[in-house]
């Protein structure tokens, strides 16, 4: 459990709610999974149309870099919490906010990456019917880039399929 993340989660807990785990994402992995990778690839493809205009390519790449840096900055303020009732994702940049997903809405537990506790990994706990990320763009219902990932995945898996 990450003590700083636990301190962020404490005021968000309802009476009687127990914090089971808290942590923070790996900033680079968070930025990439939240759209920076897709944006960079899309902008690179779009820049192909401007091949004869070097300044257009520079602007497109600068825009992609800006989006990536902004997402990385946000990642540095994101904190995760898993309680006996819900998953909480809280952030403080560019403006403070949080969202939560009740544990009875967890419908899957997928780990993207190594199935051990060494490397940060993404743990997805909600997917839509079309096998896409569930939720709004840039707001993935997952703990992205967490460590120790196997331990957290075991906690999430315990809630999958259980309705209250």
Protein backbone atom coordinates (compact mmCIF):
# COMPACT_ATOMS: atom_id res chain seq x y z
CA UNK A 1 0.00 0.00 0.00
CA UNK A 2 1.27 3.44 -0.99
CA UNK A 3 1.01 5.70 2.08
CA UNK A 4 0.71 8.93 0.08
CA UNK A 5 -2.03 7.46 -2.10
CA UNK A 6 -3.78 6.14 1.01
CA UNK A 7 -3.75 9.68 2.45
CA UNK A 8 -5.43 10.96 -0.74
CA UNK A 9 -8.05 8.18 -0.54
CA UNK A 10 -8.87 8.62 3.16
CA UNK A 11 -11.21 11.64 2.78
CA UNK A 12 -12.99 9.93 -0.14
CA UNK A 13 -14.01 6.87 1.87
CA UNK A 14 -17.59 6.45 3.05
CA UNK A 15 -18.27 5.56 6.70
CA UNK A 16 -17.53 1.88 7.24
CA UNK A 17 -15.66 1.53 3.93
CA UNK A 18 -12.30 -0.24 4.13
CA UNK A 19 -9.32 0.65 1.95
CA UNK A 20 -7.80 -2.62 0.70
CA UNK A 21 -5.08 -1.17 -1.54
CA UNK A 22 -3.83 2.20 -2.76
CA UNK A 23 -1.20 3.15 -5.29
CA UNK A 24 -0.19 5.35 -8.18
CA UNK A 25 0.49 4.76 -11.86
CA UNK A 26 3.79 4.68 -13.69
CA UNK A 27 3.53 8.08 -15.46
CA UNK A 28 4.85 6.98 -18.86
CA UNK A 29 2.60 3.91 -19.03
CA UNK A 30 -0.38 5.97 -17.88
CA UNK A 31 0.18 8.59 -20.60
CA UNK A 32 0.62 5.96 -23.30
CA UNK A 33 -2.48 3.93 -22.30
CA UNK A 34 -4.64 7.03 -22.01
CA UNK A 35 -4.25 8.01 -25.59
CA UNK A 36 -0.82 9.45 -26.16
CA UNK A 37 0.22 6.44 -28.22
CA UNK A 38 -2.86 6.56 -30.39
CA UNK A 39 -2.57 10.33 -30.79
CA UNK A 40 1.10 10.12 -31.74
CA UNK A 41 0.45 7.41 -34.34
CA UNK A 42 -2.58 9.29 -35.71
CA UNK A 43 -0.67 12.52 -35.94
CA UNK A 44 2.26 10.81 -37.61
CA UNK A 45 -0.09 9.39 -40.24
CA UNK A 46 -1.75 12.79 -40.66
CA UNK A 47 1.64 14.41 -41.02
CA UNK A 48 2.28 12.20 -44.03
CA UNK A 49 -0.20 14.38 -45.90
CA UNK A 50 2.03 17.36 -45.21
CA UNK A 51 5.25 15.73 -46.34
CA UNK A 52 6.08 18.64 -48.58
CA UNK A 53 5.55 21.17 -45.80
CA UNK A 54 8.23 20.68 -43.17
CA UNK A 55 6.65 23.27 -40.88
CA UNK A 56 3.36 21.29 -40.82
CA UNK A 57 5.25 18.16 -39.75
CA UNK A 58 7.00 20.14 -37.00
CA UNK A 59 3.65 21.52 -35.77
CA UNK A 60 2.04 18.07 -35.75
CA UNK A 61 4.94 16.54 -33.84
CA UNK A 62 5.00 19.45 -31.39
CA UNK A 63 1.27 18.95 -30.79
CA UNK A 64 1.76 15.22 -30.18
CA UNK A 65 4.61 15.97 -27.78
CA UNK A 66 2.43 18.49 -25.94
CA UNK A 67 -0.41 15.98 -25.51
CA UNK A 68 2.01 13.34 -24.28
CA UNK A 69 3.59 15.72 -21.77
CA UNK A 70 0.18 16.88 -20.51
CA UNK A 71 -0.96 13.28 -19.99
CA UNK A 72 2.29 12.48 -18.21
CA UNK A 73 1.82 15.51 -15.94
CA UNK A 74 -1.69 14.34 -15.09
CA UNK A 75 -0.34 10.84 -14.38
CA UNK A 76 1.93 12.26 -11.70
CA UNK A 77 -1.15 13.41 -9.77
CA UNK A 78 -3.32 10.29 -10.23
CA UNK A 79 -3.90 8.02 -7.22
CA UNK A 80 -5.77 4.72 -7.10
CA UNK A 81 -7.69 3.08 -4.31
CA UNK A 82 -9.52 -0.22 -4.02
CA UNK A 83 -11.98 -0.60 -1.20
CA UNK A 84 -14.43 -3.28 -0.21
CA UNK A 85 -17.09 -1.31 -2.15
CA UNK A 86 -15.45 0.41 -5.13
CA UNK A 87 -12.39 1.32 -7.15
CA UNK A 88 -11.46 4.98 -6.85
CA UNK A 89 -9.39 6.97 -9.33
CA UNK A 90 -8.48 10.46 -8.08
CA UNK A 91 -6.36 13.20 -9.68
CA UNK A 92 -5.40 16.78 -8.92
CA UNK A 93 -4.27 18.17 -12.31
CA UNK A 94 -5.37 20.05 -14.40
CA UNK A 95 -8.20 20.34 -11.89
CA UNK A 96 -8.99 18.04 -9.01
CA UNK A 97 -11.50 15.28 -9.53
CA UNK A 98 -12.27 11.65 -8.95
CA UNK A 99 -14.45 8.88 -10.22
CA UNK A 100 -15.32 5.52 -8.86
CA UNK A 101 -16.59 2.20 -10.07
CA UNK A 102 -18.58 -0.04 -7.69
CA UNK A 103 -17.01 -3.47 -7.30
CA UNK A 104 -20.26 -5.11 -8.39
CA UNK A 105 -19.68 -3.52 -11.82
CA UNK A 106 -16.33 -5.26 -12.28
CA UNK A 107 -16.83 -7.72 -15.14
CA UNK A 108 -13.28 -8.78 -15.96
CA UNK A 109 -9.78 -8.80 -14.54
CA UNK A 110 -7.14 -8.57 -17.25
CA UNK A 111 -3.49 -7.85 -16.71
CA UNK A 112 -1.59 -6.23 -19.53
CA UNK A 113 2.03 -7.16 -19.12
CA UNK A 114 3.94 -9.44 -16.80
CA UNK A 115 2.05 -11.57 -14.34
CA UNK A 116 4.44 -10.81 -11.53
CA UNK A 117 5.15 -7.98 -9.15
CA UNK A 118 8.36 -6.68 -10.78
CA UNK A 119 7.09 -4.46 -13.59
CA UNK A 120 4.22 -1.96 -13.60
CA UNK A 121 1.19 -3.31 -15.39
CA UNK A 122 -2.36 -2.29 -16.26
CA UNK A 123 -5.21 -4.08 -14.55
CA UNK A 124 -8.46 -3.68 -16.42
CA UNK A 125 -11.60 -4.39 -14.40
CA UNK A 126 -14.38 -3.23 -16.73
CA UNK A 127 -14.80 -3.80 -20.43
CA UNK A 128 -17.68 -2.98 -22.72
CA UNK A 129 -19.59 -5.32 -24.96
CA UNK A 130 -17.48 -4.45 -27.98
CA UNK A 131 -14.26 -5.44 -26.20
CA UNK A 132 -13.18 -1.80 -25.99
CA UNK A 133 -12.27 0.29 -22.97
CA UNK A 134 -15.42 0.98 -21.01
CA UNK A 135 -16.03 4.62 -20.17
CA UNK A 136 -15.13 7.93 -21.73
CA UNK A 137 -12.06 8.46 -23.88
CA UNK A 138 -8.95 9.08 -21.81
CA UNK A 139 -10.69 7.67 -18.73
CA UNK A 140 -9.97 3.97 -18.67
CA UNK A 141 -11.65 1.83 -16.02
CA UNK A 142 -8.38 0.30 -14.95
CA UNK A 143 -5.45 0.76 -12.65
CA UNK A 144 -2.71 1.68 -15.11
CA UNK A 145 0.94 1.02 -14.44
CA UNK A 146 0.55 -0.34 -10.91
CA UNK A 147 2.92 -2.30 -8.79
CA UNK A 148 2.66 -4.91 -7.17
CA UNK A 149 0.37 -5.88 -10.01
CA UNK A 150 -0.27 -9.53 -9.20
CA UNK A 151 -1.39 -8.70 -5.66
CA UNK A 152 -3.76 -5.99 -6.90
CA UNK A 153 -5.10 -8.24 -9.66
CA UNK A 154 -5.91 -10.90 -7.07
CA UNK A 155 -7.92 -8.35 -5.08
CA UNK A 156 -9.78 -7.17 -8.20
CA UNK A 157 -10.41 -10.76 -9.34
CA UNK A 158 -12.07 -11.46 -6.00
CA UNK A 159 -14.83 -8.99 -6.92
CA UNK A 160 -15.40 -10.04 -10.54
CA UNK A 161 -18.79 -11.65 -10.98
CA UNK A 162 -19.92 -10.99 -7.42
CA UNK A 163 -23.10 -8.93 -7.22
CA UNK A 164 -24.18 -7.28 -4.00
